[in-house]
N, C-alpha and C. Protein backbone atom coordinates (compact mmCIF):
# COMPACT_ATOMS: atom_id res chain seq x y z
N MET A 1 144.94 23.58 91.61
CA MET A 1 144.12 22.14 91.60
C MET A 1 143.17 22.44 92.54
N LEU A 2 142.25 22.24 92.16
CA LEU A 2 140.67 22.32 93.02
C LEU A 2 140.74 21.31 94.19
N SER A 3 140.58 21.85 95.07
CA SER A 3 140.90 20.99 96.52
C SER A 3 139.29 20.13 97.36
N ALA A 4 139.13 19.24 97.41
CA ALA A 4 138.18 18.49 97.75
C ALA A 4 137.41 19.67 98.70
N GLU A 5 138.05 20.55 99.48
CA GLU A 5 137.29 21.34 100.44
C GLU A 5 136.87 22.57 99.98
N ALA A 6 137.85 22.96 98.68
CA ALA A 6 136.75 23.84 98.06
C ALA A 6 135.18 23.21 97.10
N PHE A 7 135.14 22.03 96.91
CA PHE A 7 134.77 21.73 96.04
C PHE A 7 133.48 21.44 97.06
N LEU A 8 133.70 21.38 97.99
CA LEU A 8 132.49 20.81 99.11
C LEU A 8 131.94 22.17 99.32
N GLU A 9 132.39 23.29 99.56
CA GLU A 9 132.21 24.69 99.50
C GLU A 9 131.37 24.78 98.80
N ILE A 10 131.86 24.77 97.38
CA ILE A 10 131.02 24.90 96.14
C ILE A 10 129.62 24.20 96.44
N VAL A 11 129.54 23.49 96.51
CA VAL A 11 128.39 22.69 96.34
C VAL A 11 127.37 23.37 97.63
N HIS A 12 127.75 23.27 99.05
CA HIS A 12 126.58 23.96 99.99
C HIS A 12 127.14 25.33 99.22
N ALA A 13 127.23 26.23 98.61
CA ALA A 13 126.88 27.15 98.27
C ALA A 13 125.64 27.41 96.67
N LEU A 14 125.82 26.02 96.28
CA LEU A 14 124.69 25.79 95.65
C LEU A 14 123.59 25.66 96.20
N GLY A 15 123.49 25.71 97.60
CA GLY A 15 121.93 24.94 98.22
C GLY A 15 121.58 25.64 97.95
N LYS A 16 122.20 27.01 98.53
CA LYS A 16 121.44 28.13 99.04
C LYS A 16 121.82 29.39 97.82
N ALA A 17 121.83 28.40 96.90
CA ALA A 17 121.76 29.83 95.63
C ALA A 17 120.01 30.22 94.88
N ASP A 18 119.55 30.76 94.29
CA ASP A 18 118.39 31.24 93.66
C ASP A 18 118.50 30.75 92.99
N SER A 19 117.62 29.78 92.34
CA SER A 19 117.46 28.69 90.82
C SER A 19 116.51 29.74 89.86
N SER A 20 116.21 30.54 90.48
CA SER A 20 115.13 31.79 89.42
C SER A 20 116.02 32.85 88.66
N ASP A 21 117.12 32.50 88.53
CA ASP A 21 118.63 33.05 87.83
C ASP A 21 118.18 32.14 86.62
N PRO A 22 117.59 33.44 85.60
CA PRO A 22 118.05 33.05 84.19
C PRO A 22 118.74 32.32 83.26
N VAL A 23 120.19 32.82 84.26
CA VAL A 23 121.76 31.34 83.80
C VAL A 23 121.44 29.90 84.65
N HIS A 24 120.53 30.10 85.49
CA HIS A 24 119.92 28.37 85.95
C HIS A 24 118.67 27.90 85.74
N LYS A 25 117.92 28.57 84.94
CA LYS A 25 116.46 28.09 84.72
C LYS A 25 116.48 26.79 84.24
N ASN A 26 117.33 26.31 82.96
CA ASN A 26 117.06 25.31 82.24
C ASN A 26 118.38 24.12 82.89
N ARG A 27 118.68 24.46 84.05
CA ARG A 27 119.86 23.07 84.72
C ARG A 27 118.96 22.54 85.86
N ARG A 28 119.66 21.51 85.57
CA ARG A 28 119.21 20.47 87.05
C ARG A 28 119.88 20.47 88.38
N ALA A 29 121.28 21.92 88.03
CA ALA A 29 121.83 22.07 89.56
C ALA A 29 122.72 23.15 88.82
N LEU A 30 122.71 23.81 90.41
CA LEU A 30 123.43 25.72 89.67
C LEU A 30 124.64 24.91 89.69
N ARG A 31 125.23 26.16 88.55
CA ARG A 31 126.74 25.67 88.84
C ARG A 31 127.69 27.52 89.16
N VAL A 32 128.63 26.96 89.45
CA VAL A 32 129.64 27.88 89.78
C VAL A 32 131.14 28.53 88.88
N LEU A 33 131.50 29.00 88.65
CA LEU A 33 132.09 29.36 87.57
C LEU A 33 133.94 29.23 88.35
N ASN A 34 134.75 28.26 87.62
CA ASN A 34 136.40 27.26 88.05
C ASN A 34 136.93 27.58 86.90
N ASN A 35 137.89 28.16 87.61
CA ASN A 35 139.32 28.71 86.45
C ASN A 35 140.31 27.84 86.94
N SER A 36 140.60 26.45 87.07
CA SER A 36 141.57 25.77 88.27
C SER A 36 142.30 25.01 87.37
N LYS A 37 143.21 23.84 87.49
CA LYS A 37 144.09 23.20 86.79
C LYS A 37 143.52 21.30 87.97
N THR A 38 143.18 20.59 87.33
CA THR A 38 143.77 19.48 87.72
C THR A 38 143.60 18.56 86.98
N MET A 39 144.13 16.48 87.27
CA MET A 39 143.91 15.80 86.41
C MET A 39 142.66 15.15 86.15
N ILE A 40 142.71 14.48 84.97
CA ILE A 40 141.88 13.43 84.64
C ILE A 40 142.48 11.89 84.31
N TYR A 41 141.80 10.79 84.53
CA TYR A 41 142.81 9.89 84.27
C TYR A 41 141.54 9.10 83.62
N ARG A 42 141.51 8.72 82.25
CA ARG A 42 140.71 7.85 81.26
C ARG A 42 140.55 6.70 81.01
N ILE A 43 139.15 6.07 81.13
CA ILE A 43 139.21 4.91 81.70
C ILE A 43 139.73 4.24 80.11
N GLY A 44 140.15 2.84 80.83
CA GLY A 44 140.35 2.20 79.15
C GLY A 44 141.92 2.32 78.06
N TYR A 45 142.83 3.17 78.50
CA TYR A 45 143.74 3.69 78.43
C TYR A 45 144.82 3.20 79.00
N ASP A 46 145.80 2.88 78.19
CA ASP A 46 147.48 2.60 78.87
C ASP A 46 147.78 3.68 79.82
N PRO A 47 148.35 3.75 80.96
CA PRO A 47 149.18 4.64 81.51
C PRO A 47 149.36 5.84 81.43
N ALA A 48 150.35 5.66 80.59
CA ALA A 48 150.42 6.84 79.85
C ALA A 48 149.99 7.84 78.87
N GLU A 49 149.22 7.15 78.80
CA GLU A 49 147.76 8.22 77.60
C GLU A 49 146.49 8.42 78.69
N SER A 50 146.41 7.85 80.38
CA SER A 50 145.44 7.85 80.56
C SER A 50 145.04 9.38 81.24
N ALA A 51 146.55 9.82 81.96
CA ALA A 51 146.69 10.82 82.43
C ALA A 51 146.36 12.07 81.59
N THR A 52 145.90 12.75 81.78
CA THR A 52 145.41 14.31 81.39
C THR A 52 145.40 15.48 82.13
N GLU A 53 145.81 16.61 81.73
CA GLU A 53 145.68 17.76 82.68
C GLU A 53 144.74 18.22 82.16
N ILE A 54 143.45 18.77 82.68
CA ILE A 54 142.38 19.79 82.37
C ILE A 54 142.63 21.12 83.17
N THR A 55 141.42 21.85 82.31
CA THR A 55 141.52 23.14 83.22
C THR A 55 139.47 23.50 83.39
N LEU A 56 139.45 23.01 84.51
CA LEU A 56 137.81 23.79 84.79
C LEU A 56 137.72 24.76 84.32
N ARG A 57 135.90 24.78 83.98
CA ARG A 57 135.45 26.12 83.67
C ARG A 57 134.47 26.22 84.90
N ASP A 58 133.69 25.06 84.75
CA ASP A 58 132.34 24.95 86.07
C ASP A 58 132.02 24.01 85.96
N ILE A 59 131.12 23.78 87.81
CA ILE A 59 131.09 22.96 88.39
C ILE A 59 130.05 22.67 89.40
N SER A 60 129.40 21.86 89.32
CA SER A 60 128.34 21.94 90.40
C SER A 60 127.99 20.75 90.85
N ALA A 61 126.80 20.67 91.76
CA ALA A 61 127.01 19.37 92.49
C ALA A 61 126.69 17.88 91.33
N ARG A 62 126.55 18.26 90.29
CA ARG A 62 126.14 16.85 89.08
C ARG A 62 126.99 16.90 88.39
N GLY A 63 127.91 17.40 88.22
CA GLY A 63 128.78 17.59 87.09
C GLY A 63 129.69 18.87 86.44
N CYS A 64 130.39 18.57 85.79
CA CYS A 64 131.55 19.86 85.41
C CYS A 64 131.76 19.78 84.53
N SER A 65 132.51 20.82 83.48
CA SER A 65 132.85 20.97 82.55
C SER A 65 134.16 21.67 82.28
N PHE A 66 134.66 21.51 81.34
CA PHE A 66 136.76 21.77 81.67
C PHE A 66 136.84 21.77 80.57
N ALA A 67 138.13 22.28 79.87
CA ALA A 67 139.03 22.86 78.62
C ALA A 67 140.13 21.45 78.66
N SER A 68 140.16 20.58 77.35
CA SER A 68 141.10 19.39 77.38
C SER A 68 141.31 19.81 75.54
N LYS A 69 142.82 19.28 75.89
CA LYS A 69 143.62 19.01 74.70
C LYS A 69 143.50 18.19 74.36
N VAL A 70 142.50 16.90 74.60
CA VAL A 70 142.11 15.72 74.05
C VAL A 70 140.71 15.25 74.19
N LYS A 71 140.24 14.72 72.31
CA LYS A 71 138.92 14.45 72.46
C LYS A 71 138.15 13.49 73.59
N MET A 72 137.26 13.27 73.88
CA MET A 72 136.15 12.80 74.64
C MET A 72 135.41 12.61 74.31
N GLU A 73 134.88 10.90 73.77
CA GLU A 73 133.89 10.30 72.99
C GLU A 73 133.03 10.48 74.31
N SER A 74 131.37 11.16 73.67
CA SER A 74 130.50 10.23 74.68
C SER A 74 129.84 9.20 75.41
N GLY A 75 129.49 9.05 76.75
CA GLY A 75 129.82 7.95 77.51
C GLY A 75 131.07 7.25 77.64
N SER A 76 132.23 7.69 77.55
CA SER A 76 133.56 7.51 77.93
C SER A 76 133.19 7.87 79.69
N ASN A 77 134.45 6.93 80.38
CA ASN A 77 134.34 7.46 81.87
C ASN A 77 135.69 7.77 82.23
N PHE A 78 135.86 8.31 82.85
CA PHE A 78 137.16 9.12 83.77
C PHE A 78 137.44 9.31 85.49
N VAL A 79 137.70 9.51 85.35
CA VAL A 79 138.10 9.24 87.04
C VAL A 79 139.13 11.41 87.08
N ILE A 80 137.87 11.78 87.37
CA ILE A 80 138.71 13.27 88.40
C ILE A 80 138.93 13.45 89.90
N GLN A 81 140.29 13.66 89.64
CA GLN A 81 141.27 13.79 90.88
C GLN A 81 140.86 15.24 91.53
N PHE A 82 141.31 15.46 92.76
CA PHE A 82 140.37 16.54 93.96
C PHE A 82 141.72 16.72 95.25
N ALA A 83 142.35 17.66 95.36
CA ALA A 83 144.17 17.64 96.12
C ALA A 83 143.38 17.86 97.36
N ARG A 84 143.49 17.30 98.37
CA ARG A 84 142.87 17.64 99.93
C ARG A 84 144.27 18.38 101.04
N ASN A 85 143.61 18.88 101.66
CA ASN A 85 145.03 19.18 102.76
C ASN A 85 145.36 18.60 103.89
N ASN A 86 146.59 17.84 103.68
CA ASN A 86 147.37 17.30 104.71
C ASN A 86 146.69 15.63 104.30
N GLN A 87 145.96 15.15 103.18
CA GLN A 87 145.09 13.96 102.72
C GLN A 87 145.75 13.50 101.12
N ALA A 88 145.55 11.87 101.19
CA ALA A 88 145.81 11.63 100.14
C ALA A 88 144.24 12.37 99.05
N PRO A 89 144.86 12.60 98.19
CA PRO A 89 143.58 13.29 97.19
C PRO A 89 142.33 12.73 97.00
N THR A 90 141.41 12.84 96.48
CA THR A 90 140.24 11.85 96.61
C THR A 90 139.77 12.63 95.16
N GLY A 91 138.47 11.59 94.82
CA GLY A 91 137.91 12.02 93.16
C GLY A 91 136.70 11.32 93.09
N MET A 92 136.26 11.41 91.92
CA MET A 92 135.11 11.11 91.25
C MET A 92 135.03 10.31 90.00
N LEU A 93 134.64 9.19 89.57
CA LEU A 93 134.45 8.77 88.77
C LEU A 93 133.00 9.65 87.83
N CYS A 94 133.61 9.55 86.77
CA CYS A 94 132.62 10.59 86.15
C CYS A 94 132.12 9.87 84.30
N MET A 95 131.48 10.32 83.89
CA MET A 95 130.95 9.84 82.30
C MET A 95 130.88 11.78 81.20
N VAL A 96 131.09 11.27 80.37
CA VAL A 96 131.32 12.55 79.36
C VAL A 96 129.63 12.30 79.00
N VAL A 97 129.27 13.71 78.70
CA VAL A 97 128.08 14.00 78.27
C VAL A 97 128.07 14.27 77.05
N HIS A 98 129.32 15.27 76.84
CA HIS A 98 129.18 15.75 75.38
C HIS A 98 130.43 16.15 75.99
N CYS A 99 131.33 16.63 73.91
CA CYS A 99 132.41 16.42 73.80
C CYS A 99 132.48 18.16 72.84
N ARG A 100 133.06 19.27 72.85
CA ARG A 100 132.85 19.73 71.16
C ARG A 100 134.13 20.67 71.04
N GLY A 101 134.43 21.15 69.90
CA GLY A 101 136.04 21.22 69.70
C GLY A 101 135.98 22.98 69.58
N THR A 102 136.86 23.00 70.15
CA THR A 102 137.21 24.90 69.86
C THR A 102 138.32 25.02 69.30
N SER A 103 138.50 26.56 69.53
CA SER A 103 139.85 26.78 68.46
C SER A 103 140.89 26.43 69.29
N VAL A 104 140.81 26.16 70.46
CA VAL A 104 142.68 25.81 71.24
C VAL A 104 142.09 24.20 71.84
N GLY A 105 141.50 23.34 71.17
CA GLY A 105 140.96 21.70 72.16
C GLY A 105 139.84 21.86 71.71
N TYR A 106 138.98 21.24 73.26
CA TYR A 106 137.82 20.87 73.15
C TYR A 106 137.26 21.21 74.77
N ARG A 107 135.82 21.30 74.35
CA ARG A 107 134.95 21.79 75.56
C ARG A 107 134.17 20.22 75.93
N VAL A 108 134.73 19.74 77.44
CA VAL A 108 133.86 18.55 77.89
C VAL A 108 132.82 18.80 78.49
N GLY A 109 131.94 18.35 78.28
CA GLY A 109 130.97 18.17 79.87
C GLY A 109 130.74 16.92 80.23
N ALA A 110 130.34 16.81 81.74
CA ALA A 110 130.90 15.37 82.19
C ALA A 110 129.89 15.79 83.34
N GLU A 111 129.26 14.33 83.75
CA GLU A 111 128.22 13.75 84.96
C GLU A 111 129.63 13.16 85.80
N PHE A 112 128.62 13.71 87.21
CA PHE A 112 129.59 12.82 88.10
C PHE A 112 128.89 11.62 88.36
N THR A 113 129.35 10.62 88.30
CA THR A 113 128.83 8.83 88.61
C THR A 113 128.34 8.76 90.12
N CYS A 114 130.31 9.03 90.63
CA CYS A 114 130.38 8.22 92.10
C CYS A 114 131.64 8.58 93.17
N SER A 115 131.53 8.89 94.00
CA SER A 115 132.69 9.51 94.76
C SER A 115 133.80 7.87 94.58
N LEU A 116 135.09 8.58 94.93
CA LEU A 116 136.46 7.33 94.98
C LEU A 116 136.86 7.82 96.33
N ASP A 117 137.04 6.44 97.54
CA ASP A 117 138.34 7.12 98.49
C ASP A 117 139.38 7.30 97.74
N ALA A 118 140.36 7.32 98.37
CA ALA A 118 141.76 7.56 98.34
C ALA A 118 142.27 6.62 97.76
N LYS A 119 142.30 5.88 98.29
CA LYS A 119 143.34 4.04 97.49
C LYS A 119 142.83 3.82 96.53
N ARG A 120 141.22 4.23 96.11
CA ARG A 120 141.38 4.30 94.51
C ARG A 120 141.43 5.32 93.51
N VAL A 121 141.88 6.10 94.46
CA VAL A 121 141.88 7.35 93.32
C VAL A 121 143.89 7.21 93.25
N ALA A 122 144.10 6.73 94.26
CA ALA A 122 146.20 5.92 94.05
C ALA A 122 146.17 5.39 92.90
N ARG A 123 145.08 4.58 92.46
CA ARG A 123 145.70 3.56 91.97
C ARG A 123 144.87 3.70 90.63
N ALA A 124 144.52 5.14 90.19
CA ALA A 124 143.71 5.63 88.91
C ALA A 124 144.34 5.73 87.82
N THR A 125 146.05 5.17 88.12
CA THR A 125 146.66 5.33 86.80
C THR A 125 146.39 3.54 86.14
N GLU A 126 145.75 2.94 87.44
CA GLU A 126 146.13 1.42 86.20
C GLU A 126 144.22 1.20 86.06
N PRO A 127 144.69 1.22 84.63
CA PRO A 127 143.32 0.64 83.80
C PRO A 127 142.95 -0.77 84.10
N SER A 128 143.21 -1.96 84.75
CA SER A 128 142.50 -2.46 85.26
C SER A 128 141.67 -2.02 86.38
N ASP A 129 142.13 -1.70 87.05
CA ASP A 129 141.43 -1.60 88.44
C ASP A 129 140.64 -0.37 88.11
N LEU A 130 140.29 0.76 86.78
CA LEU A 130 139.82 1.48 86.43
C LEU A 130 138.24 0.49 85.89
N ASP A 131 138.80 0.39 85.42
CA ASP A 131 137.68 -0.76 84.52
C ASP A 131 136.76 -2.16 84.88
N ARG A 132 137.38 -2.16 86.09
CA ARG A 132 136.68 -3.03 87.55
C ARG A 132 135.55 -1.77 88.19
N ILE A 133 136.38 -0.75 88.34
CA ILE A 133 135.41 0.19 89.22
C ILE A 133 133.80 0.71 88.11
N ARG A 134 134.53 1.14 87.08
CA ARG A 134 133.32 1.45 85.97
C ARG A 134 132.36 -0.18 85.67
N ASN A 135 133.11 -0.98 85.88
CA ASN A 135 132.14 -2.39 85.71
C ASN A 135 131.55 -2.41 86.55
N SER A 136 131.67 -2.77 87.95
CA SER A 136 130.99 -2.29 89.36
C SER A 136 129.52 -1.92 89.32
N ILE A 137 129.93 -0.21 89.05
CA ILE A 137 129.25 0.45 89.54
C ILE A 137 128.37 0.77 88.13
N LEU A 138 128.12 0.30 86.80
CA LEU A 138 127.82 0.54 85.59
C LEU A 138 127.36 -0.59 85.05
N THR A 139 127.27 -1.73 85.76
CA THR A 139 126.55 -2.94 85.00
C THR A 139 125.67 -3.16 85.90
C-alpha cells in the first residue's frame, strides 16, 4: 500500500522535476510511476460494494491513475486511502476524470479534490458519511 509518507516524497520530488521533459509537457502536474495496491471507497454504494482494491499506476500532486476491475463513471467520487507509519490511515476525496476499458479491467484517471483526516477515512465505508462529505465540499 502506498504510504502517506511515500506520497509526500513523490509530491516533493515532483516540485523539483524538470517540466521540459517531453513526457510531461502537456500535463498540468508531473507524474511519478507507481505500482502499489491500496483501497478506494466509492461514494453512494453499499458498504459491501464500496470498498475496492486497486493498483496505482502513477501519481501526481493533482491526481492519480490506477487499474481497477470495476468500471467507474466519469464525475463519480471516491476516497483513496493511504497508510501511515504508526498512525491511522489518511485519505483523499477524488473525482473520476476518465475510465477506459483494458484487456484486464479498467484504467481510471482521477483528480484529488481534498484531503480527509483519519477520522473521516475510518468512516469511509459509511455511505451516508461519504455523501455528506461530498455534498459539503462540492456544493
